[in-house]
Amino acid sequence: QVQLVESGGGLVQPGGSLRLSCAASGRIFGISGMGWYRQAPGSQREWVGGIAIDGSTHYADSAKGRFTISRDNAKNTLYLQMNSLKPEDTAVYYCSIGAAGGQVYWGQGTQVTVSS
């Protein structure tokens, strides 16, 4: 059974940094990509960025220059380094893995709150 577990969320002041982790367990066949999404209260879930199989990364405009996605294949872990955080980054952050057959796996989410 595939399980994704996010961690690293919390309360941070504007301008601060956080690193989120997403640990994957179980066998996933035909991974097509991995990514991060977020959902703020009253808003739809939005894509933050992703990392492809070849290691290339892509980001939403709101994340460019501030967020960095990386992965550690040996640890089956995906990361989201977030710098220069703003109050509007406050949301529940989810990791996602796309696999063969259109299967998409989601974590349970981790809360990030940016506030002074």
Protein backbone atom coordinates (compact mmCIF):
# COMPACT_ATOMS: atom_id res chain seq x y z
CA GLN A 1 0.00 0.00 0.00
CA VAL A 2 1.38 3.36 -1.05
CA GLN A 3 1.59 6.04 1.60
CA LEU A 4 2.86 9.60 1.41
CA VAL A 5 3.56 11.40 4.67
CA GLU A 6 4.33 15.11 4.74
CA SER A 7 6.14 16.82 7.58
CA GLY A 8 7.90 20.07 8.34
CA GLY A 9 5.00 22.47 8.43
CA GLY A 10 4.47 24.99 11.17
CA LEU A 11 4.26 28.64 12.08
CA VAL A 12 6.88 30.97 10.64
CA GLN A 13 7.25 34.73 10.47
CA PRO A 14 7.11 36.57 7.15
CA GLY A 15 10.48 36.35 5.46
CA GLY A 16 11.28 33.07 7.15
CA SER A 17 11.93 29.62 5.72
CA LEU A 18 10.58 26.12 6.06
CA ARG A 19 11.47 22.81 4.47
CA LEU A 20 8.70 20.34 3.90
CA SER A 21 9.36 16.66 3.45
CA CYS A 22 7.25 13.97 1.85
CA ALA A 23 8.26 10.42 2.64
CA ALA A 24 6.89 7.76 0.32
CA SER A 25 6.45 4.11 1.20
CA GLY A 26 5.14 1.19 -0.80
CA ARG A 27 5.78 0.35 -4.42
CA ILE A 28 4.77 2.86 -7.06
CA PHE A 29 4.94 1.70 -10.66
CA GLY A 30 5.66 3.98 -13.55
CA ILE A 31 6.19 7.25 -11.70
CA SER A 32 5.59 10.08 -14.12
CA GLY A 33 6.31 12.99 -11.82
CA MET A 34 6.15 14.37 -8.30
CA GLY A 35 4.91 17.66 -7.05
CA TRP A 36 3.59 19.92 -4.37
CA TYR A 37 0.20 21.54 -4.12
CA ARG A 38 -1.39 23.81 -1.56
CA GLN A 39 -4.85 24.78 -0.46
CA ALA A 40 -5.66 27.92 1.45
CA PRO A 41 -8.92 28.30 3.38
CA GLY A 42 -11.79 29.01 1.03
CA SER A 43 -9.65 28.38 -2.04
CA GLN A 44 -9.13 25.55 -4.46
CA ARG A 45 -6.06 23.39 -4.33
CA GLU A 46 -3.34 24.89 -6.50
CA TRP A 47 -0.16 23.54 -7.99
CA VAL A 48 3.04 24.88 -6.43
CA GLY A 49 5.63 23.05 -8.47
CA GLY A 50 6.89 19.70 -9.60
CA ILE A 51 9.91 17.61 -10.43
CA ALA A 52 9.99 15.33 -13.43
CA ILE A 53 11.63 11.96 -13.81
CA ASP A 54 14.64 13.57 -15.45
CA GLY A 55 15.04 15.86 -12.47
CA SER A 56 13.83 19.00 -14.14
CA THR A 57 11.77 21.27 -11.96
CA HIS A 58 8.92 23.60 -12.73
CA TYR A 59 7.20 26.14 -10.52
CA ALA A 60 4.10 28.22 -10.36
CA ASP A 61 4.78 31.92 -10.75
CA SER A 62 4.02 32.44 -7.07
CA ALA A 63 6.83 30.04 -6.14
CA LYS A 64 9.53 30.95 -8.63
CA GLY A 65 12.67 32.28 -7.05
CA ARG A 66 11.53 31.42 -3.53
CA PHE A 67 10.72 27.72 -3.49
CA THR A 68 12.91 24.78 -4.49
CA ILE A 69 11.80 21.21 -5.04
CA SER A 70 14.26 18.36 -4.71
CA ARG A 71 14.20 14.64 -4.06
CA ASP A 72 16.34 12.00 -2.45
CA ASN A 73 15.73 8.77 -4.31
CA ALA A 74 17.63 6.72 -1.74
CA LYS A 75 15.29 7.93 0.98
CA ASN A 76 12.16 7.96 -1.20
CA THR A 77 11.63 11.52 -0.04
CA LEU A 78 10.50 14.66 -1.80
CA TYR A 79 11.33 18.08 -0.42
CA LEU A 80 10.00 21.60 -0.74
CA GLN A 81 12.35 24.32 0.48
CA MET A 82 10.43 27.54 0.98
CA ASN A 83 12.25 30.81 1.52
CA SER A 84 11.09 34.41 1.86
CA LEU A 85 7.71 33.21 2.99
CA LYS A 86 4.73 35.54 2.78
CA PRO A 87 1.39 35.52 4.61
CA GLU A 88 -0.26 34.52 1.34
CA ASP A 89 1.76 31.29 1.40
CA THR A 90 -0.36 30.17 4.34
CA ALA A 91 -2.06 26.92 3.33
CA VAL A 92 -2.12 23.19 3.76
CA TYR A 93 0.62 21.77 1.60
CA TYR A 94 0.25 18.40 -0.10
CA CYS A 95 2.71 16.24 -1.95
CA SER A 96 1.60 14.21 -4.93
CA ILE A 97 3.05 11.45 -7.06
CA GLY A 98 1.75 10.62 -10.49
CA ALA A 99 2.09 7.05 -11.71
CA ALA A 100 1.19 4.67 -14.52
CA GLY A 101 -2.39 4.52 -15.66
CA GLY A 102 -3.14 7.99 -14.41
CA GLN A 103 -2.91 6.95 -10.80
CA VAL A 104 -2.22 9.87 -8.44
CA TYR A 105 -1.18 9.47 -4.85
CA TRP A 106 -1.63 12.20 -2.24
CA GLY A 107 -0.30 12.83 1.21
CA GLN A 108 -2.46 13.97 4.11
CA GLY A 109 -1.12 17.51 4.06
CA THR A 110 0.87 19.67 6.42
CA GLN A 111 -0.15 23.11 7.63
CA VAL A 112 2.05 26.10 6.89
CA THR A 113 1.15 29.37 8.58
CA VAL A 114 3.05 32.55 7.84
CA SER A 115 2.25 35.22 10.37
CA SER A 116 3.91 37.69 12.68
